Amino acid sequence: TSLVKMVAKFMAQARRRMLHVIIIAQEASMIAT
């Protein structure tokens, strides 16, 4: 979806943004590759 694709693009900036990102899910396989 356009939503998750755009979030992924945002996360691609995590290092430059100096972000500590935590993604929580019951199974890691439930998270986008």
ModelCIF file with pLDDT and N, C-alpha, C, O atoms, coordinates in Angstrom:
data_MODEL
#
_entry.id   MODEL 
#
_entity.id                         1 
_entity.type                       polymer 
_entity.pdbx_number_of_molecules   1 
#
_entity_poly.entity_id                      1 
_entity_poly.type                           'polypeptide(L)' 
_entity_poly.nstd_linkage                   no 
_entity_poly.nstd_monomer                   no 
_entity_poly.pdbx_seq_one_letter_code       TSLVKMVAKFMAQARRRMLHVIIIAQEASMIAT 
_entity_poly.pdbx_seq_one_letter_code_can   TSLVKMVAKFMAQARRRMLHVIIIAQEASMIAT 
_entity_poly.pdbx_strand_id                 A 
#
loop_
_entity_poly_seq.entity_id 
_entity_poly_seq.num 
_entity_poly_seq.mon_id 
_entity_poly_seq.hetero 
1 1  THR n 
1 2  SER n 
1 3  LEU n 
1 4  VAL n 
1 5  LYS n 
1 6  MET n 
1 7  VAL n 
1 8  ALA n 
1 9  LYS n 
1 10 PHE n 
1 11 MET n 
1 12 ALA n 
1 13 GLN n 
1 14 ALA n 
1 15 ARG n 
1 16 ARG n 
1 17 ARG n 
1 18 MET n 
1 19 LEU n 
1 20 HIS n 
1 21 VAL n 
1 22 ILE n 
1 23 ILE n 
1 24 ILE n 
1 25 ALA n 
1 26 GLN n 
1 27 GLU n 
1 28 ALA n 
1 29 SER n 
1 30 MET n 
1 31 ILE n 
1 32 ALA n 
1 33 THR n 
#
_struct_asym.id          A 
_struct_asym.entity_id   1 
#
loop_
_ma_qa_metric.id 
_ma_qa_metric.mode 
_ma_qa_metric.name 
_ma_qa_metric.software_group_id 
_ma_qa_metric.type 
1 global pLDDT . pLDDT 
2 local  pLDDT . pLDDT 
#
_ma_qa_metric_global.metric_id      1 
_ma_qa_metric_global.metric_value   87.15 
_ma_qa_metric_global.model_id       1 
_ma_qa_metric_global.ordinal_id     1 
#
loop_
_ma_qa_metric_local.label_asym_id 
_ma_qa_metric_local.label_comp_id 
_ma_qa_metric_local.label_seq_id 
_ma_qa_metric_local.metric_id 
_ma_qa_metric_local.metric_value 
_ma_qa_metric_local.model_id 
_ma_qa_metric_local.ordinal_id 
A THR 1  2 78.00 1 1  
A SER 2  2 82.00 1 2  
A LEU 3  2 79.00 1 3  
A VAL 4  2 82.00 1 4  
A LYS 5  2 84.00 1 5  
A MET 6  2 86.00 1 6  
A VAL 7  2 86.00 1 7  
A ALA 8  2 84.00 1 8  
A LYS 9  2 86.00 1 9  
A PHE 10 2 88.00 1 10 
A MET 11 2 85.00 1 11 
A ALA 12 2 83.00 1 12 
A GLN 13 2 86.00 1 13 
A ALA 14 2 86.00 1 14 
A ARG 15 2 86.00 1 15 
A ARG 16 2 89.00 1 16 
A ARG 17 2 91.00 1 17 
A MET 18 2 92.00 1 18 
A LEU 19 2 93.00 1 19 
A HIS 20 2 94.00 1 20 
A VAL 21 2 93.00 1 21 
A ILE 22 2 95.00 1 22 
A ILE 23 2 93.00 1 23 
A ILE 24 2 92.00 1 24 
A ALA 25 2 91.00 1 25 
A GLN 26 2 90.00 1 26 
A GLU 27 2 89.00 1 27 
A ALA 28 2 85.00 1 28 
A SER 29 2 86.00 1 29 
A MET 30 2 86.00 1 30 
A ILE 31 2 88.00 1 31 
A ALA 32 2 84.00 1 32 
A THR 33 2 84.00 1 33 
#
loop_
_atom_site.group_PDB 
_atom_site.id 
_atom_site.type_symbol 
_atom_site.label_atom_id 
_atom_site.label_alt_id 
_atom_site.label_comp_id 
_atom_site.label_asym_id 
_atom_site.label_entity_id 
_atom_site.label_seq_id 
_atom_site.pdbx_PDB_ins_code 
_atom_site.Cartn_x 
_atom_site.Cartn_y 
_atom_site.Cartn_z 
_atom_site.occupancy 
_atom_site.B_iso_or_equiv 
_atom_site.pdbx_formal_charge 
_atom_site.auth_seq_id 
_atom_site.auth_comp_id 
_atom_site.auth_asym_id 
_atom_site.auth_atom_id 
_atom_site.pdbx_PDB_model_num 
ATOM 1   N N  . THR A 1 1  ? 0.837  -1.192  0.000  1.00 78.00 ? 1  THR A N  1 
ATOM 2   C CA . THR A 1 1  ? 0.000  0.000   0.000  1.00 78.00 ? 1  THR A CA 1 
ATOM 3   C C  . THR A 1 1  ? 0.875  1.247   0.000  1.00 78.00 ? 1  THR A C  1 
ATOM 4   O O  . THR A 1 1  ? 2.039  1.204   0.399  1.00 78.00 ? 1  THR A O  1 
ATOM 5   N N  . SER A 1 2  ? 0.307  2.341   -0.447 1.00 82.00 ? 2  SER A N  1 
ATOM 6   C CA . SER A 1 2  ? 1.063  3.600   -0.480 1.00 82.00 ? 2  SER A CA 1 
ATOM 7   C C  . SER A 1 2  ? 1.443  4.040   0.918  1.00 82.00 ? 2  SER A C  1 
ATOM 8   O O  . SER A 1 2  ? 2.480  4.675   1.114  1.00 82.00 ? 2  SER A O  1 
ATOM 9   N N  . LEU A 1 3  ? 0.589  3.699   1.912  1.00 79.00 ? 3  LEU A N  1 
ATOM 10  C CA . LEU A 1 3  ? 0.868  4.070   3.304  1.00 79.00 ? 3  LEU A CA 1 
ATOM 11  C C  . LEU A 1 3  ? 2.164  3.436   3.792  1.00 79.00 ? 3  LEU A C  1 
ATOM 12  O O  . LEU A 1 3  ? 3.068  4.141   4.242  1.00 79.00 ? 3  LEU A O  1 
ATOM 13  N N  . VAL A 1 4  ? 2.262  2.117   3.705  1.00 82.00 ? 4  VAL A N  1 
ATOM 14  C CA . VAL A 1 4  ? 3.439  1.412   4.225  1.00 82.00 ? 4  VAL A CA 1 
ATOM 15  C C  . VAL A 1 4  ? 4.676  1.750   3.402  1.00 82.00 ? 4  VAL A C  1 
ATOM 16  O O  . VAL A 1 4  ? 5.776  1.838   3.948  1.00 82.00 ? 4  VAL A O  1 
ATOM 17  N N  . LYS A 1 5  ? 4.513  1.936   2.117  1.00 84.00 ? 5  LYS A N  1 
ATOM 18  C CA . LYS A 1 5  ? 5.657  2.324   1.291  1.00 84.00 ? 5  LYS A CA 1 
ATOM 19  C C  . LYS A 1 5  ? 6.225  3.672   1.736  1.00 84.00 ? 5  LYS A C  1 
ATOM 20  O O  . LYS A 1 5  ? 7.440  3.858   1.801  1.00 84.00 ? 5  LYS A O  1 
ATOM 21  N N  . MET A 1 6  ? 5.315  4.616   2.045  1.00 86.00 ? 6  MET A N  1 
ATOM 22  C CA . MET A 1 6  ? 5.780  5.934   2.468  1.00 86.00 ? 6  MET A CA 1 
ATOM 23  C C  . MET A 1 6  ? 6.412  5.876   3.853  1.00 86.00 ? 6  MET A C  1 
ATOM 24  O O  . MET A 1 6  ? 7.398  6.566   4.112  1.00 86.00 ? 6  MET A O  1 
ATOM 25  N N  . VAL A 1 7  ? 5.848  5.050   4.755  1.00 86.00 ? 7  VAL A N  1 
ATOM 26  C CA . VAL A 1 7  ? 6.435  4.879   6.082  1.00 86.00 ? 7  VAL A CA 1 
ATOM 27  C C  . VAL A 1 7  ? 7.833  4.273   5.943  1.00 86.00 ? 7  VAL A C  1 
ATOM 28  O O  . VAL A 1 7  ? 8.757  4.650   6.663  1.00 86.00 ? 7  VAL A O  1 
ATOM 29  N N  . ALA A 1 8  ? 7.973  3.332   5.010  1.00 84.00 ? 8  ALA A N  1 
ATOM 30  C CA . ALA A 1 8  ? 9.286  2.712   4.782  1.00 84.00 ? 8  ALA A CA 1 
ATOM 31  C C  . ALA A 1 8  ? 10.293 3.759   4.310  1.00 84.00 ? 8  ALA A C  1 
ATOM 32  O O  . ALA A 1 8  ? 11.456 3.735   4.711  1.00 84.00 ? 8  ALA A O  1 
ATOM 33  N N  . LYS A 1 9  ? 9.845  4.667   3.466  1.00 86.00 ? 9  LYS A N  1 
ATOM 34  C CA . LYS A 1 9  ? 10.740 5.724   3.008  1.00 86.00 ? 9  LYS A CA 1 
ATOM 35  C C  . LYS A 1 9  ? 11.143 6.634   4.174  1.00 86.00 ? 9  LYS A C  1 
ATOM 36  O O  . LYS A 1 9  ? 12.276 7.110   4.252  1.00 86.00 ? 9  LYS A O  1 
ATOM 37  N N  . PHE A 1 10 ? 10.190 6.859   5.066  1.00 88.00 ? 10 PHE A N  1 
ATOM 38  C CA . PHE A 1 10 ? 10.503 7.658   6.254  1.00 88.00 ? 10 PHE A CA 1 
ATOM 39  C C  . PHE A 1 10 ? 11.524 6.927   7.120  1.00 88.00 ? 10 PHE A C  1 
ATOM 40  O O  . PHE A 1 10 ? 12.482 7.534   7.597  1.00 88.00 ? 10 PHE A O  1 
ATOM 41  N N  . MET A 1 11 ? 11.319 5.613   7.326  1.00 85.00 ? 11 MET A N  1 
ATOM 42  C CA . MET A 1 11 ? 12.237 4.831   8.151  1.00 85.00 ? 11 MET A CA 1 
ATOM 43  C C  . MET A 1 11 ? 13.630 4.766   7.536  1.00 85.00 ? 11 MET A C  1 
ATOM 44  O O  . MET A 1 11 ? 14.622 4.601   8.247  1.00 85.00 ? 11 MET A O  1 
ATOM 45  N N  . ALA A 1 12 ? 13.702 4.898   6.206  1.00 83.00 ? 12 ALA A N  1 
ATOM 46  C CA . ALA A 1 12 ? 15.002 4.898   5.542  1.00 83.00 ? 12 ALA A CA 1 
ATOM 47  C C  . ALA A 1 12 ? 15.834 6.097   5.970  1.00 83.00 ? 12 ALA A C  1 
ATOM 48  O O  . ALA A 1 12 ? 17.050 6.115   5.783  1.00 83.00 ? 12 ALA A O  1 
ATOM 49  N N  . GLN A 1 13 ? 15.175 7.100   6.546  1.00 86.00 ? 13 GLN A N  1 
ATOM 50  C CA . GLN A 1 13 ? 15.871 8.287   7.025  1.00 86.00 ? 13 GLN A CA 1 
ATOM 51  C C  . GLN A 1 13 ? 16.235 8.178   8.509  1.00 86.00 ? 13 GLN A C  1 
ATOM 52  O O  . GLN A 1 13 ? 16.748 9.130   9.097  1.00 86.00 ? 13 GLN A O  1 
ATOM 53  N N  . ALA A 1 14 ? 15.967 7.013   9.111  1.00 86.00 ? 14 ALA A N  1 
ATOM 54  C CA . ALA A 1 14 ? 16.118 6.866   10.562 1.00 86.00 ? 14 ALA A CA 1 
ATOM 55  C C  . ALA A 1 14 ? 17.515 7.232   11.062 1.00 86.00 ? 14 ALA A C  1 
ATOM 56  O O  . ALA A 1 14 ? 17.652 7.910   12.081 1.00 86.00 ? 14 ALA A O  1 
ATOM 57  N N  . ARG A 1 15 ? 18.545 6.788   10.353 1.00 86.00 ? 15 ARG A N  1 
ATOM 58  C CA . ARG A 1 15 ? 19.911 7.080   10.803 1.00 86.00 ? 15 ARG A CA 1 
ATOM 59  C C  . ARG A 1 15 ? 20.191 8.583   10.749 1.00 86.00 ? 15 ARG A C  1 
ATOM 60  O O  . ARG A 1 15 ? 20.730 9.157   11.694 1.00 86.00 ? 15 ARG A O  1 
ATOM 61  N N  . ARG A 1 16 ? 19.822 9.202   9.646  1.00 89.00 ? 16 ARG A N  1 
ATOM 62  C CA . ARG A 1 16 ? 20.057 10.639  9.517  1.00 89.00 ? 16 ARG A CA 1 
ATOM 63  C C  . ARG A 1 16 ? 19.180 11.441  10.478 1.00 89.00 ? 16 ARG A C  1 
ATOM 64  O O  . ARG A 1 16 ? 19.554 12.529  10.917 1.00 89.00 ? 16 ARG A O  1 
ATOM 65  N N  . ARG A 1 17 ? 18.034 10.900  10.792 1.00 91.00 ? 17 ARG A N  1 
ATOM 66  C CA . ARG A 1 17 ? 17.143 11.581  11.737 1.00 91.00 ? 17 ARG A CA 1 
ATOM 67  C C  . ARG A 1 17 ? 17.534 11.288  13.193 1.00 91.00 ? 17 ARG A C  1 
ATOM 68  O O  . ARG A 1 17 ? 16.960 11.865  14.117 1.00 91.00 ? 17 ARG A O  1 
ATOM 69  N N  . MET A 1 18 ? 18.500 10.400  13.393 1.00 92.00 ? 18 MET A N  1 
ATOM 70  C CA . MET A 1 18 ? 18.941 10.002  14.734 1.00 92.00 ? 18 MET A CA 1 
ATOM 71  C C  . MET A 1 18 ? 17.767 9.428   15.543 1.00 92.00 ? 18 MET A C  1 
ATOM 72  O O  . MET A 1 18 ? 17.541 9.788   16.699 1.00 92.00 ? 18 MET A O  1 
ATOM 73  N N  . LEU A 1 19 ? 17.035 8.527   14.889 1.00 93.00 ? 19 LEU A N  1 
ATOM 74  C CA . LEU A 1 19 ? 15.870 7.916   15.517 1.00 93.00 ? 19 LEU A CA 1 
ATOM 75  C C  . LEU A 1 19 ? 16.206 6.556   16.126 1.00 93.00 ? 19 LEU A C  1 
ATOM 76  O O  . LEU A 1 19 ? 17.009 5.798   15.581 1.00 93.00 ? 19 LEU A O  1 
ATOM 77  N N  . HIS A 1 20 ? 15.578 6.262   17.264 1.00 94.00 ? 20 HIS A N  1 
ATOM 78  C CA . HIS A 1 20 ? 15.589 4.928   17.840 1.00 94.00 ? 20 HIS A CA 1 
ATOM 79  C C  . HIS A 1 20 ? 14.196 4.360   17.576 1.00 94.00 ? 20 HIS A C  1 
ATOM 80  O O  . HIS A 1 20 ? 13.225 4.765   18.215 1.00 94.00 ? 20 HIS A O  1 
ATOM 81  N N  . VAL A 1 21 ? 14.100 3.428   16.640 1.00 93.00 ? 21 VAL A N  1 
ATOM 82  C CA . VAL A 1 21 ? 12.801 2.915   16.207 1.00 93.00 ? 21 VAL A CA 1 
ATOM 83  C C  . VAL A 1 21 ? 12.532 1.549   16.841 1.00 93.00 ? 21 VAL A C  1 
ATOM 84  O O  . VAL A 1 21 ? 13.394 0.670   16.842 1.00 93.00 ? 21 VAL A O  1 
ATOM 85  N N  . ILE A 1 22 ? 11.317 1.388   17.382 1.00 95.00 ? 22 ILE A N  1 
ATOM 86  C CA . ILE A 1 22 ? 10.885 0.102   17.922 1.00 95.00 ? 22 ILE A CA 1 
ATOM 87  C C  . ILE A 1 22 ? 9.615  -0.312  17.196 1.00 95.00 ? 22 ILE A C  1 
ATOM 88  O O  . ILE A 1 22 ? 8.624  0.418   17.204 1.00 95.00 ? 22 ILE A O  1 
ATOM 89  N N  . ILE A 1 23 ? 9.645  -1.487  16.565 1.00 93.00 ? 23 ILE A N  1 
ATOM 90  C CA . ILE A 1 23 ? 8.466  -2.044  15.907 1.00 93.00 ? 23 ILE A CA 1 
ATOM 91  C C  . ILE A 1 23 ? 8.048  -3.288  16.674 1.00 93.00 ? 23 ILE A C  1 
ATOM 92  O O  . ILE A 1 23 ? 8.846  -4.208  16.849 1.00 93.00 ? 23 ILE A O  1 
ATOM 93  N N  . ILE A 1 24 ? 6.794  -3.323  17.136 1.00 92.00 ? 24 ILE A N  1 
ATOM 94  C CA . ILE A 1 24 ? 6.310  -4.410  17.981 1.00 92.00 ? 24 ILE A CA 1 
ATOM 95  C C  . ILE A 1 24 ? 5.280  -5.239  17.213 1.00 92.00 ? 24 ILE A C  1 
ATOM 96  O O  . ILE A 1 24 ? 4.368  -4.685  16.598 1.00 92.00 ? 24 ILE A O  1 
ATOM 97  N N  . ALA A 1 25 ? 5.425  -6.559  17.249 1.00 91.00 ? 25 ALA A N  1 
ATOM 98  C CA . ALA A 1 25 ? 4.476  -7.453  16.585 1.00 91.00 ? 25 ALA A CA 1 
ATOM 99  C C  . ALA A 1 25 ? 4.532  -8.819  17.255 1.00 91.00 ? 25 ALA A C  1 
ATOM 100 O O  . ALA A 1 25 ? 5.541  -9.176  17.862 1.00 91.00 ? 25 ALA A O  1 
ATOM 101 N N  . GLN A 1 26 ? 3.447  -9.585  17.145 1.00 90.00 ? 26 GLN A N  1 
ATOM 102 C CA . GLN A 1 26 ? 3.434  -10.917 17.740 1.00 90.00 ? 26 GLN A CA 1 
ATOM 103 C C  . GLN A 1 26 ? 4.457  -11.834 17.073 1.00 90.00 ? 26 GLN A C  1 
ATOM 104 O O  . GLN A 1 26 ? 5.113  -12.638 17.736 1.00 90.00 ? 26 GLN A O  1 
ATOM 105 N N  . GLU A 1 27 ? 4.582  -11.704 15.771 1.00 89.00 ? 27 GLU A N  1 
ATOM 106 C CA . GLU A 1 27 ? 5.564  -12.483 15.021 1.00 89.00 ? 27 GLU A CA 1 
ATOM 107 C C  . GLU A 1 27 ? 6.331  -11.542 14.111 1.00 89.00 ? 27 GLU A C  1 
ATOM 108 O O  . GLU A 1 27 ? 5.748  -10.664 13.475 1.00 89.00 ? 27 GLU A O  1 
ATOM 109 N N  . ALA A 1 28 ? 7.634  -11.729 14.052 1.00 85.00 ? 28 ALA A N  1 
ATOM 110 C CA . ALA A 1 28 ? 8.438  -10.887 13.166 1.00 85.00 ? 28 ALA A CA 1 
ATOM 111 C C  . ALA A 1 28 ? 7.996  -11.046 11.720 1.00 85.00 ? 28 ALA A C  1 
ATOM 112 O O  . ALA A 1 28 ? 8.124  -10.116 10.923 1.00 85.00 ? 28 ALA A O  1 
ATOM 113 N N  . SER A 1 29 ? 7.469  -12.237 11.373 1.00 86.00 ? 29 SER A N  1 
ATOM 114 C CA . SER A 1 29 ? 7.032  -12.493 9.997  1.00 86.00 ? 29 SER A CA 1 
ATOM 115 C C  . SER A 1 29 ? 5.811  -11.665 9.615  1.00 86.00 ? 29 SER A C  1 
ATOM 116 O O  . SER A 1 29 ? 5.469  -11.579 8.436  1.00 86.00 ? 29 SER A O  1 
ATOM 117 N N  . MET A 1 30 ? 5.140  -11.043 10.614 1.00 86.00 ? 30 MET A N  1 
ATOM 118 C CA . MET A 1 30 ? 3.975  -10.202 10.343 1.00 86.00 ? 30 MET A CA 1 
ATOM 119 C C  . MET A 1 30 ? 4.380  -8.810  9.886  1.00 86.00 ? 30 MET A C  1 
ATOM 120 O O  . MET A 1 30 ? 3.544  -8.031  9.428  1.00 86.00 ? 30 MET A O  1 
ATOM 121 N N  . ILE A 1 31 ? 5.676  -8.498  10.013 1.00 88.00 ? 31 ILE A N  1 
ATOM 122 C CA . ILE A 1 31 ? 6.177  -7.165  9.664  1.00 88.00 ? 31 ILE A CA 1 
ATOM 123 C C  . ILE A 1 31 ? 6.647  -7.158  8.212  1.00 88.00 ? 31 ILE A C  1 
ATOM 124 O O  . ILE A 1 31 ? 7.230  -8.135  7.742  1.00 88.00 ? 31 ILE A O  1 
ATOM 125 N N  . ALA A 1 32 ? 6.396  -6.068  7.508  1.00 84.00 ? 32 ALA A N  1 
ATOM 126 C CA . ALA A 1 32 ? 6.792  -5.951  6.108  1.00 84.00 ? 32 ALA A CA 1 
ATOM 127 C C  . ALA A 1 32 ? 8.282  -6.262  5.943  1.00 84.00 ? 32 ALA A C  1 
ATOM 128 O O  . ALA A 1 32 ? 9.107  -5.851  6.759  1.00 84.00 ? 32 ALA A O  1 
ATOM 129 N N  . THR A 1 33 ? 8.608  -6.985  4.886  1.00 84.00 ? 33 THR A N  1 
ATOM 130 C CA . THR A 1 33 ? 9.963  -7.482  4.675  1.00 84.00 ? 33 THR A CA 1 
ATOM 131 C C  . THR A 1 33 ? 11.006 -6.371  4.677  1.00 84.00 ? 33 THR A C  1 
ATOM 132 O O  . THR A 1 33 ? 12.196 -6.642  4.510  1.00 84.00 ? 33 THR A O  1 
#
